[in-house]
Amino acid sequence: LDIEDFDEISRRTPKIADMQPGGQSVMNDLHEIGG
């Protein structure tokens, strides 16, 4: 596993959860909808 692998996978994988610190939600919010 190389550091470049993170960028390669990130380029093809969208961000679909907006939690703190970027958003406002916390882990318990995720837990309440199934984790």
Full PDB file with SEQRES, HELIX, SHEET, SSBOND, CRYST1, ORIGX, SCALE, CONECT and MASTER records, all heavy atoms in Angstrom:
SEQRES   1 A   35  LEU ASP ILE GLU ASP PHE ASP GLU ILE SER ARG ARG THR          
SEQRES   2 A   35  PRO LYS ILE ALA ASP MET GLN PRO GLY GLY GLN SER VAL          
SEQRES   3 A   35  MET ASN ASP LEU HIS GLU ILE GLY GLY                          
HELIX    1 AA1 ILE A    3  ARG A   12  1                                  10    
HELIX    2 AA2 MET A   27  GLU A   32  1                                   6    
CRYST1    1.000    1.000    1.000  90.00  90.00  90.00 P 1           1          
ORIGX1      1.000000  0.000000  0.000000        0.00000                         
ORIGX2      0.000000  1.000000  0.000000        0.00000                         
ORIGX3      0.000000  0.000000  1.000000        0.00000                         
SCALE1      1.000000  0.000000  0.000000        0.00000                         
SCALE2      0.000000  1.000000  0.000000        0.00000                         
SCALE3      0.000000  0.000000  1.000000        0.00000                         
ATOM      1  N   LEU A   1       0.860  -1.181   0.000  1.00  0.00           N  
ATOM      2  CA  LEU A   1       0.000   0.000   0.000  1.00  0.00           C  
ATOM      3  C   LEU A   1       0.894   1.227   0.000  1.00  0.00           C  
ATOM      4  O   LEU A   1       1.831   1.325   0.793  1.00  0.00           O  
ATOM      5  CB  LEU A   1      -0.899   0.001   1.242  1.00  0.00           C  
ATOM      6  CG  LEU A   1      -2.068   0.986   1.241  1.00  0.00           C  
ATOM      7  CD1 LEU A   1      -3.137   0.564   0.237  1.00  0.00           C  
ATOM      8  CD2 LEU A   1      -2.682   1.099   2.640  1.00  0.00           C  
ATOM      9  N   ASP A   2       0.615   2.163  -0.898  1.00  0.00           N  
ATOM     10  CA  ASP A   2       1.407   3.380  -1.011  1.00  0.00           C  
ATOM     11  C   ASP A   2       0.525   4.597  -0.786  1.00  0.00           C  
ATOM     12  O   ASP A   2      -0.699   4.540  -0.980  1.00  0.00           O  
ATOM     13  CB  ASP A   2       2.069   3.478  -2.387  1.00  0.00           C  
ATOM     14  CG  ASP A   2       3.099   2.392  -2.614  1.00  0.00           C  
ATOM     15  OD1 ASP A   2       3.964   2.199  -1.740  1.00  0.00           O  
ATOM     16  OD2 ASP A   2       3.024   1.723  -3.659  1.00  0.00           O  
ATOM     17  N   ILE A   3       1.174   5.707  -0.467  1.00  0.00           N  
ATOM     18  CA  ILE A   3       0.413   6.919  -0.180  1.00  0.00           C  
ATOM     19  C   ILE A   3      -0.371   7.377  -1.410  1.00  0.00           C  
ATOM     20  O   ILE A   3      -1.461   7.945  -1.282  1.00  0.00           O  
ATOM     21  CB  ILE A   3       1.355   8.021   0.360  1.00  0.00           C  
ATOM     22  CG1 ILE A   3       0.532   9.152   0.999  1.00  0.00           C  
ATOM     23  CG2 ILE A   3       2.306   8.531  -0.707  1.00  0.00           C  
ATOM     24  CD1 ILE A   3       1.362  10.112   1.817  1.00  0.00           C  
ATOM     25  N   GLU A   4       0.141   7.114  -2.609  1.00  0.00           N  
ATOM     26  CA  GLU A   4      -0.569   7.502  -3.826  1.00  0.00           C  
ATOM     27  C   GLU A   4      -1.900   6.767  -3.976  1.00  0.00           C  
ATOM     28  O   GLU A   4      -2.830   7.256  -4.632  1.00  0.00           O  
ATOM     29  CB  GLU A   4       0.299   7.241  -5.063  1.00  0.00           C  
ATOM     30  CG  GLU A   4       1.511   8.138  -5.188  1.00  0.00           C  
ATOM     31  CD  GLU A   4       2.709   7.608  -4.412  1.00  0.00           C  
ATOM     32  OE1 GLU A   4       2.572   6.529  -3.757  1.00  0.00           O  
ATOM     33  OE2 GLU A   4       3.773   8.245  -4.447  1.00  0.00           O  
ATOM     34  N   ASP A   5      -2.011   5.572  -3.368  1.00  0.00           N  
ATOM     35  CA  ASP A   5      -3.257   4.820  -3.461  1.00  0.00           C  
ATOM     36  C   ASP A   5      -4.429   5.587  -2.849  1.00  0.00           C  
ATOM     37  O   ASP A   5      -5.573   5.459  -3.304  1.00  0.00           O  
ATOM     38  CB  ASP A   5      -3.118   3.471  -2.754  1.00  0.00           C  
ATOM     39  CG  ASP A   5      -2.134   2.541  -3.449  1.00  0.00           C  
ATOM     40  OD1 ASP A   5      -2.108   2.545  -4.699  1.00  0.00           O  
ATOM     41  OD2 ASP A   5      -1.390   1.831  -2.757  1.00  0.00           O  
ATOM     42  N   PHE A   6      -4.148   6.376  -1.825  1.00  0.00           N  
ATOM     43  CA  PHE A   6      -5.218   7.140  -1.173  1.00  0.00           C  
ATOM     44  C   PHE A   6      -5.801   8.166  -2.141  1.00  0.00           C  
ATOM     45  O   PHE A   6      -7.023   8.362  -2.192  1.00  0.00           O  
ATOM     46  CB  PHE A   6      -4.684   7.822   0.082  1.00  0.00           C  
ATOM     47  CG  PHE A   6      -4.370   6.872   1.197  1.00  0.00           C  
ATOM     48  CD1 PHE A   6      -3.176   6.173   1.225  1.00  0.00           C  
ATOM     49  CD2 PHE A   6      -5.280   6.656   2.218  1.00  0.00           C  
ATOM     50  CE1 PHE A   6      -2.882   5.281   2.253  1.00  0.00           C  
ATOM     51  CE2 PHE A   6      -5.010   5.768   3.245  1.00  0.00           C  
ATOM     52  CZ  PHE A   6      -3.806   5.073   3.260  1.00  0.00           C  
ATOM     53  N   ASP A   7      -4.933   8.830  -2.886  1.00  0.00           N  
ATOM     54  CA  ASP A   7      -5.428   9.835  -3.826  1.00  0.00           C  
ATOM     55  C   ASP A   7      -6.178   9.184  -4.977  1.00  0.00           C  
ATOM     56  O   ASP A   7      -7.234   9.682  -5.408  1.00  0.00           O  
ATOM     57  CB  ASP A   7      -4.266  10.676  -4.363  1.00  0.00           C  
ATOM     58  CG  ASP A   7      -4.749  11.974  -4.976  1.00  0.00           C  
ATOM     59  OD1 ASP A   7      -5.247  12.820  -4.214  1.00  0.00           O  
ATOM     60  OD2 ASP A   7      -4.653  12.129  -6.196  1.00  0.00           O  
ATOM     61  N   GLU A   8      -5.666   8.074  -5.464  1.00  0.00           N  
ATOM     62  CA  GLU A   8      -6.324   7.383  -6.576  1.00  0.00           C  
ATOM     63  C   GLU A   8      -7.735   6.960  -6.188  1.00  0.00           C  
ATOM     64  O   GLU A   8      -8.706   7.152  -6.946  1.00  0.00           O  
ATOM     65  CB  GLU A   8      -5.505   6.167  -6.990  1.00  0.00           C  
ATOM     66  CG  GLU A   8      -6.116   5.363  -8.126  1.00  0.00           C  
ATOM     67  CD  GLU A   8      -5.339   4.100  -8.438  1.00  0.00           C  
ATOM     68  OE1 GLU A   8      -4.144   4.025  -8.080  1.00  0.00           O  
ATOM     69  OE2 GLU A   8      -5.925   3.179  -9.034  1.00  0.00           O  
ATOM     70  N   ILE A   9      -7.880   6.380  -4.997  1.00  0.00           N  
ATOM     71  CA  ILE A   9      -9.200   5.914  -4.553  1.00  0.00           C  
ATOM     72  C   ILE A   9     -10.095   7.100  -4.224  1.00  0.00           C  
ATOM     73  O   ILE A   9     -11.302   7.093  -4.515  1.00  0.00           O  
ATOM     74  CB  ILE A   9      -9.051   4.958  -3.357  1.00  0.00           C  
ATOM     75  CG1 ILE A   9      -8.348   3.672  -3.822  1.00  0.00           C  
ATOM     76  CG2 ILE A   9     -10.406   4.638  -2.731  1.00  0.00           C  
ATOM     77  CD1 ILE A   9      -7.954   2.733  -2.706  1.00  0.00           C  
ATOM     78  N   SER A  10      -9.535   8.160  -3.654  1.00  0.00           N  
ATOM     79  CA  SER A  10     -10.325   9.342  -3.320  1.00  0.00           C  
ATOM     80  C   SER A  10     -10.877  10.025  -4.563  1.00  0.00           C  
ATOM     81  O   SER A  10     -11.992  10.558  -4.546  1.00  0.00           O  
ATOM     82  CB  SER A  10      -9.474  10.328  -2.517  1.00  0.00           C  
ATOM     83  OG  SER A  10     -10.247  11.413  -2.046  1.00  0.00           O  
ATOM     84  N   ARG A  11     -10.128  10.025  -5.647  1.00  0.00           N  
ATOM     85  CA  ARG A  11     -10.594  10.655  -6.888  1.00  0.00           C  
ATOM     86  C   ARG A  11     -11.841   9.967  -7.431  1.00  0.00           C  
ATOM     87  O   ARG A  11     -12.692  10.611  -8.072  1.00  0.00           O  
ATOM     88  CB  ARG A  11      -9.489  10.629  -7.941  1.00  0.00           C  
ATOM     89  CG  ARG A  11      -8.371  11.642  -7.711  1.00  0.00           C  
ATOM     90  CD  ARG A  11      -7.319  11.532  -8.804  1.00  0.00           C  
ATOM     91  NE  ARG A  11      -6.189  12.420  -8.598  1.00  0.00           N  
ATOM     92  CZ  ARG A  11      -6.111  13.675  -9.037  1.00  0.00           C  
ATOM     93  NH1 ARG A  11      -7.120  14.202  -9.699  1.00  0.00           N  
ATOM     94  NH2 ARG A  11      -5.024  14.399  -8.830  1.00  0.00           N  
ATOM     95  N   ARG A  12     -11.994   8.656  -7.183  1.00  0.00           N  
ATOM     96  CA  ARG A  12     -13.146   7.933  -7.747  1.00  0.00           C  
ATOM     97  C   ARG A  12     -14.259   7.696  -6.725  1.00  0.00           C  
ATOM     98  O   ARG A  12     -15.304   7.141  -7.074  1.00  0.00           O  
ATOM     99  CB  ARG A  12     -12.693   6.603  -8.334  1.00  0.00           C  
ATOM    100  CG  ARG A  12     -12.185   5.579  -7.330  1.00  0.00           C  
ATOM    101  CD  ARG A  12     -11.875   4.241  -8.014  1.00  0.00           C  
ATOM    102  NE  ARG A  12     -11.488   3.200  -7.101  1.00  0.00           N  
ATOM    103  CZ  ARG A  12     -10.272   2.665  -7.029  1.00  0.00           C  
ATOM    104  NH1 ARG A  12      -9.307   3.104  -7.827  1.00  0.00           N  
ATOM    105  NH2 ARG A  12     -10.005   1.695  -6.161  1.00  0.00           N  
ATOM    106  N   THR A  13     -14.033   8.116  -5.480  1.00  0.00           N  
ATOM    107  CA  THR A  13     -15.008   7.867  -4.414  1.00  0.00           C  
ATOM    108  C   THR A  13     -15.556   9.192  -3.901  1.00  0.00           C  
ATOM    109  O   THR A  13     -14.825   9.986  -3.307  1.00  0.00           O  
ATOM    110  CB  THR A  13     -14.360   7.106  -3.239  1.00  0.00           C  
ATOM    111  OG1 THR A  13     -13.691   5.949  -3.731  1.00  0.00           O  
ATOM    112  CG2 THR A  13     -15.414   6.708  -2.212  1.00  0.00           C  
ATOM    113  N   PRO A  14     -16.820   9.468  -4.095  1.00  0.00           N  
ATOM    114  CA  PRO A  14     -17.359  10.753  -3.637  1.00  0.00           C  
ATOM    115  C   PRO A  14     -17.497  10.807  -2.119  1.00  0.00           C  
ATOM    116  O   PRO A  14     -17.615   9.779  -1.454  1.00  0.00           O  
ATOM    117  CB  PRO A  14     -18.726  10.815  -4.308  1.00  0.00           C  
ATOM    118  CG  PRO A  14     -19.119   9.390  -4.499  1.00  0.00           C  
ATOM    119  CD  PRO A  14     -17.833   8.644  -4.776  1.00  0.00           C  
ATOM    120  N   LYS A  15     -17.486  12.022  -1.606  1.00  0.00           N  
ATOM    121  CA  LYS A  15     -17.760  12.221  -0.181  1.00  0.00           C  
ATOM    122  C   LYS A  15     -19.261  12.243  -0.001  1.00  0.00           C  
ATOM    123  O   LYS A  15     -19.959  13.107  -0.536  1.00  0.00           O  
ATOM    124  CB  LYS A  15     -17.147  13.526   0.316  1.00  0.00           C  
ATOM    125  CG  LYS A  15     -17.387  13.773   1.799  1.00  0.00           C  
ATOM    126  CD  LYS A  15     -16.788  15.092   2.255  1.00  0.00           C  
ATOM    127  CE  LYS A  15     -17.106  15.349   3.716  1.00  0.00           C  
ATOM    128  NZ  LYS A  15     -16.584  16.669   4.183  1.00  0.00           N  
ATOM    129  N   ILE A  16     -19.786  11.300   0.788  1.00  0.00           N  
ATOM    130  CA  ILE A  16     -21.240  11.195   0.936  1.00  0.00           C  
ATOM    131  C   ILE A  16     -21.716  11.379   2.374  1.00  0.00           C  
ATOM    132  O   ILE A  16     -22.927  11.364   2.617  1.00  0.00           O  
ATOM    133  CB  ILE A  16     -21.771   9.858   0.371  1.00  0.00           C  
ATOM    134  CG1 ILE A  16     -21.172   8.662   1.109  1.00  0.00           C  
ATOM    135  CG2 ILE A  16     -21.508   9.765  -1.124  1.00  0.00           C  
ATOM    136  CD1 ILE A  16     -21.792   7.320   0.693  1.00  0.00           C  
ATOM    137  N   ALA A  17     -20.804  11.550   3.313  1.00  0.00           N  
ATOM    138  CA  ALA A  17     -21.200  11.825   4.696  1.00  0.00           C  
ATOM    139  C   ALA A  17     -20.567  13.143   5.115  1.00  0.00           C  
ATOM    140  O   ALA A  17     -19.363  13.331   4.969  1.00  0.00           O  
ATOM    141  CB  ALA A  17     -20.757  10.702   5.626  1.00  0.00           C  
ATOM    142  N   ASP A  18     -21.372  14.059   5.621  1.00  0.00           N  
ATOM    143  CA  ASP A  18     -20.891  15.388   5.994  1.00  0.00           C  
ATOM    144  C   ASP A  18     -20.994  15.530   7.509  1.00  0.00           C  
ATOM    145  O   ASP A  18     -22.002  15.983   8.044  1.00  0.00           O  
ATOM    146  CB  ASP A  18     -21.726  16.456   5.292  1.00  0.00           C  
ATOM    147  CG  ASP A  18     -21.146  17.848   5.462  1.00  0.00           C  
ATOM    148  OD1 ASP A  18     -19.916  17.952   5.610  1.00  0.00           O  
ATOM    149  OD2 ASP A  18     -21.926  18.816   5.436  1.00  0.00           O  
ATOM    150  N   MET A  19     -19.933  15.120   8.175  1.00  0.00           N  
ATOM    151  CA  MET A  19     -19.920  15.108   9.640  1.00  0.00           C  
ATOM    152  C   MET A  19     -18.850  16.059  10.157  1.00  0.00           C  
ATOM    153  O   MET A  19     -18.011  16.544   9.400  1.00  0.00           O  
ATOM    154  CB  MET A  19     -19.671  13.675  10.129  1.00  0.00           C  
ATOM    155  CG  MET A  19     -20.714  12.683   9.605  1.00  0.00           C  
ATOM    156  SD  MET A  19     -20.347  10.974  10.017  1.00  0.00           S  
ATOM    157  CE  MET A  19     -20.625  11.008  11.792  1.00  0.00           C  
ATOM    158  N   GLN A  20     -18.887  16.334  11.457  1.00  0.00           N  
ATOM    159  CA  GLN A  20     -17.836  17.170  12.020  1.00  0.00           C  
ATOM    160  C   GLN A  20     -16.481  16.519  11.769  1.00  0.00           C  
ATOM    161  O   GLN A  20     -16.368  15.300  11.848  1.00  0.00           O  
ATOM    162  CB  GLN A  20     -18.043  17.333  13.539  1.00  0.00           C  
ATOM    163  CG  GLN A  20     -19.163  18.240  13.919  1.00  0.00           C  
ATOM    164  CD  GLN A  20     -19.047  18.714  15.364  1.00  0.00           C  
ATOM    165  OE1 GLN A  20     -17.971  18.767  15.969  1.00  0.00           O  
ATOM    166  NE2 GLN A  20     -20.174  19.055  15.952  1.00  0.00           N  
ATOM    167  N   PRO A  21     -15.452  17.320  11.399  1.00  0.00           N  
ATOM    168  CA  PRO A  21     -15.382  18.777  11.530  1.00  0.00           C  
ATOM    169  C   PRO A  21     -15.896  19.558  10.339  1.00  0.00           C  
ATOM    170  O   PRO A  21     -16.128  20.764  10.466  1.00  0.00           O  
ATOM    171  CB  PRO A  21     -13.880  19.016  11.702  1.00  0.00           C  
ATOM    172  CG  PRO A  21     -13.250  17.942  10.886  1.00  0.00           C  
ATOM    173  CD  PRO A  21     -14.132  16.736  11.072  1.00  0.00           C  
ATOM    174  N   GLY A  22     -16.066  18.956   9.155  1.00  0.00           N  
ATOM    175  CA  GLY A  22     -16.545  19.715   8.017  1.00  0.00           C  
ATOM    176  C   GLY A  22     -18.011  20.086   8.142  1.00  0.00           C  
ATOM    177  O   GLY A  22     -18.429  21.187   7.779  1.00  0.00           O  
ATOM    178  N   GLY A  23     -18.822  19.150   8.655  1.00  0.00           N  
ATOM    179  CA  GLY A  23     -20.250  19.390   8.846  1.00  0.00           C  
ATOM    180  C   GLY A  23     -20.589  19.577  10.313  1.00  0.00           C  
ATOM    181  O   GLY A  23     -19.743  19.926  11.128  1.00  0.00           O  
ATOM    182  N   GLN A  24     -21.839  19.294  10.654  1.00  0.00           N  
ATOM    183  CA  GLN A  24     -22.304  19.509  12.021  1.00  0.00           C  
ATOM    184  C   GLN A  24     -22.641  18.211  12.761  1.00  0.00           C  
ATOM    185  O   GLN A  24     -22.767  18.215  13.978  1.00  0.00           O  
ATOM    186  CB  GLN A  24     -23.553  20.413  12.010  1.00  0.00           C  
ATOM    187  CG  GLN A  24     -23.294  21.807  11.471  1.00  0.00           C  
ATOM    188  CD  GLN A  24     -22.240  22.550  12.257  1.00  0.00           C  
ATOM    189  OE1 GLN A  24     -22.253  22.558  13.486  1.00  0.00           O  
ATOM    190  NE2 GLN A  24     -21.304  23.166  11.555  1.00  0.00           N  
ATOM    191  N   SER A  25     -22.777  17.105  12.050  1.00  0.00           N  
ATOM    192  CA  SER A  25     -23.254  15.871  12.670  1.00  0.00           C  
ATOM    193  C   SER A  25     -22.127  15.108  13.357  1.00  0.00           C  
ATOM    194  O   SER A  25     -20.947  15.271  13.029  1.00  0.00           O  
ATOM    195  CB  SER A  25     -23.923  14.979  11.624  1.00  0.00           C  
ATOM    196  OG  SER A  25     -25.040  15.638  11.071  1.00  0.00           O  
ATOM    197  N   VAL A  26     -22.518  14.262  14.312  1.00  0.00           N  
ATOM    198  CA  VAL A  26     -21.557  13.481  15.088  1.00  0.00           C  
ATOM    199  C   VAL A  26     -21.854  11.993  14.927  1.00  0.00           C  
ATOM    200  O   VAL A  26     -22.821  11.597  14.273  1.00  0.00           O  
ATOM    201  CB  VAL A  26     -21.586  13.886  16.576  1.00  0.00           C  
ATOM    202  CG1 VAL A  26     -21.136  15.327  16.743  1.00  0.00           C  
ATOM    203  CG2 VAL A  26     -22.976  13.682  17.183  1.00  0.00           C  
ATOM    204  N   MET A  27     -21.019  11.166  15.552  1.00  0.00           N  
ATOM    205  CA  MET A  27     -21.129   9.717  15.379  1.00  0.00           C  
ATOM    206  C   MET A  27     -22.490   9.192  15.816  1.00  0.00           C  
ATOM    207  O   MET A  27     -23.035   8.276  15.191  1.00  0.00           O  
ATOM    208  CB  MET A  27     -20.010   9.021  16.149  1.00  0.00           C  
ATOM    209  CG  MET A  27     -19.840   7.550  15.828  1.00  0.00           C  
ATOM    210  SD  MET A  27     -19.332   7.275  14.100  1.00  0.00           S  
ATOM    211  CE  MET A  27     -18.497   5.693  14.217  1.00  0.00           C  
ATOM    212  N   ASN A  28     -23.050   9.747  16.865  1.00  0.00           N  
ATOM    213  CA  ASN A  28     -24.350   9.265  17.318  1.00  0.00           C  
ATOM    214  C   ASN A  28     -25.433   9.507  16.281  1.00  0.00           C  
ATOM    215  O   ASN A  28     -26.373   8.713  16.152  1.00  0.00           O  
ATOM    216  CB  ASN A  28     -24.743   9.932  18.639  1.00  0.00           C  
ATOM    217  CG  ASN A  28     -26.033   9.358  19.200  1.00  0.00           C  
ATOM    218  OD1 ASN A  28     -26.132   8.165  19.461  1.00  0.00           O  
ATOM    219  ND2 ASN A  28     -27.046  10.206  19.354  1.00  0.00           N  
ATOM    220  N   ASP A  29     -25.313  10.587  15.515  1.00  0.00           N  
ATOM    221  CA  ASP A  29     -26.274  10.831  14.438  1.00  0.00           C  
ATOM    222  C   ASP A  29     -26.206   9.720  13.401  1.00  0.00           C  
ATOM    223  O   ASP A  29     -27.238   9.256  12.893  1.00  0.00           O  
ATOM    224  CB  ASP A  29     -25.992  12.185  13.774  1.00  0.00           C  
ATOM    225  CG  ASP A  29     -26.189  13.357  14.715  1.00  0.00           C  
ATOM    226  OD1 ASP A  29     -27.168  13.341  15.475  1.00  0.00           O  
ATOM    227  OD2 ASP A  29     -25.359  14.280  14.695  1.00  0.00           O  
ATOM    228  N   LEU A  30     -24.985   9.297  13.070  1.00  0.00           N  
ATOM    229  CA  LEU A  30     -24.826   8.189  12.130  1.00  0.00           C  
ATOM    230  C   LEU A  30     -25.380   6.898  12.731  1.00  0.00           C  
ATOM    231  O   LEU A  30     -26.020   6.096  12.033  1.00  0.00           O  
ATOM    232  CB  LEU A  30     -23.349   8.023  11.763  1.00  0.00           C  
ATOM    233  CG  LEU A  30     -23.011   6.940  10.735  1.00  0.00           C  
ATOM    234  CD1 LEU A  30     -23.707   7.206   9.404  1.00  0.00           C  
ATOM    235  CD2 LEU A  30     -21.494   6.849  10.536  1.00  0.00           C  
ATOM    236  N   HIS A  31     -25.155   6.691  14.021  1.00  0.00           N  
ATOM    237  CA  HIS A  31     -25.649   5.484  14.685  1.00  0.00           C  
ATOM    238  C   HIS A  31     -27.173   5.383  14.597  1.00  0.00           C  
ATOM    239  O   HIS A  31     -27.719   4.290  14.380  1.00  0.00           O  
ATOM    240  CB  HIS A  31     -25.209   5.487  16.146  1.00  0.00           C  
ATOM    241  CG  HIS A  31     -25.667   4.290  16.914  1.00  0.00           C  
ATOM    242  ND1 HIS A  31     -25.217   3.011  16.651  1.00  0.00           N  
ATOM    243  CD2 HIS A  31     -26.565   4.164  17.938  1.00  0.00           C  
ATOM    244  CE1 HIS A  31     -25.802   2.151  17.467  1.00  0.00           C  
ATOM    245  NE2 HIS A  31     -26.629   2.825  18.248  1.00  0.00           N  
ATOM    246  N   GLU A  32     -27.838   6.503  14.722  1.00  0.00           N  
ATOM    247  CA  GLU A  32     -29.301   6.497  14.748  1.00  0.00           C  
ATOM    248  C   GLU A  32     -29.925   6.138  13.411  1.00  0.00           C  
ATOM    249  O   GLU A  32     -31.107   5.787  13.354  1.00  0.00           O  
ATOM    250  CB  GLU A  32     -29.809   7.860  15.228  1.00  0.00           C  
ATOM    251  CG  GLU A  32     -29.538   8.098  16.714  1.00  0.00           C  
ATOM    252  CD  GLU A  32     -30.037   9.441  17.198  1.00  0.00           C  
ATOM    253  OE1 GLU A  32     -30.404  10.290  16.336  1.00  0.00           O  
ATOM    254  OE2 GLU A  32     -30.075   9.661  18.422  1.00  0.00           O  
ATOM    255  N   ILE A  33     -29.141   6.191  12.331  1.00  0.00           N  
ATOM    256  CA  ILE A  33     -29.695   5.797  11.029  1.00  0.00           C  
ATOM    257  C   ILE A  33     -29.099   4.482  10.523  1.00  0.00           C  
ATOM    258  O   ILE A  33     -29.269   4.124   9.358  1.00  0.00           O  
ATOM    259  CB  ILE A  33     -29.489   6.903   9.974  1.00  0.00           C  
ATOM    260  CG1 ILE A  33     -28.002   7.182   9.742  1.00  0.00           C  
ATOM    261  CG2 ILE A  33     -30.230   8.172  10.366  1.00  0.00           C  
ATOM    262  CD1 ILE A  33     -27.727   8.059   8.526  1.00  0.00           C  
ATOM    263  N   GLY A  34     -28.388   3.770  11.403  1.00  0.00           N  
ATOM    264  CA  GLY A  34     -27.872   2.454  11.025  1.00  0.00           C  
ATOM    265  C   GLY A  34     -26.372   2.296  11.106  1.00  0.00           C  
ATOM    266  O   GLY A  34     -25.855   1.210  10.903  1.00  0.00           O  
ATOM    267  N   GLY A  35     -25.654   3.385  11.371  1.00  0.00           N  
ATOM    268  CA  GLY A  35     -24.210   3.297  11.576  1.00  0.00           C  
ATOM    269  C   GLY A  35     -23.422   3.196  10.283  1.00  0.00           C  
ATOM    270  O   GLY A  35     -23.910   3.462   9.172  1.00  0.00           O  
TER     271      GLY A  35                                                      
MASTER        0    0    0    2    0    0    0    6  270    1    0    3          
END                                                                             
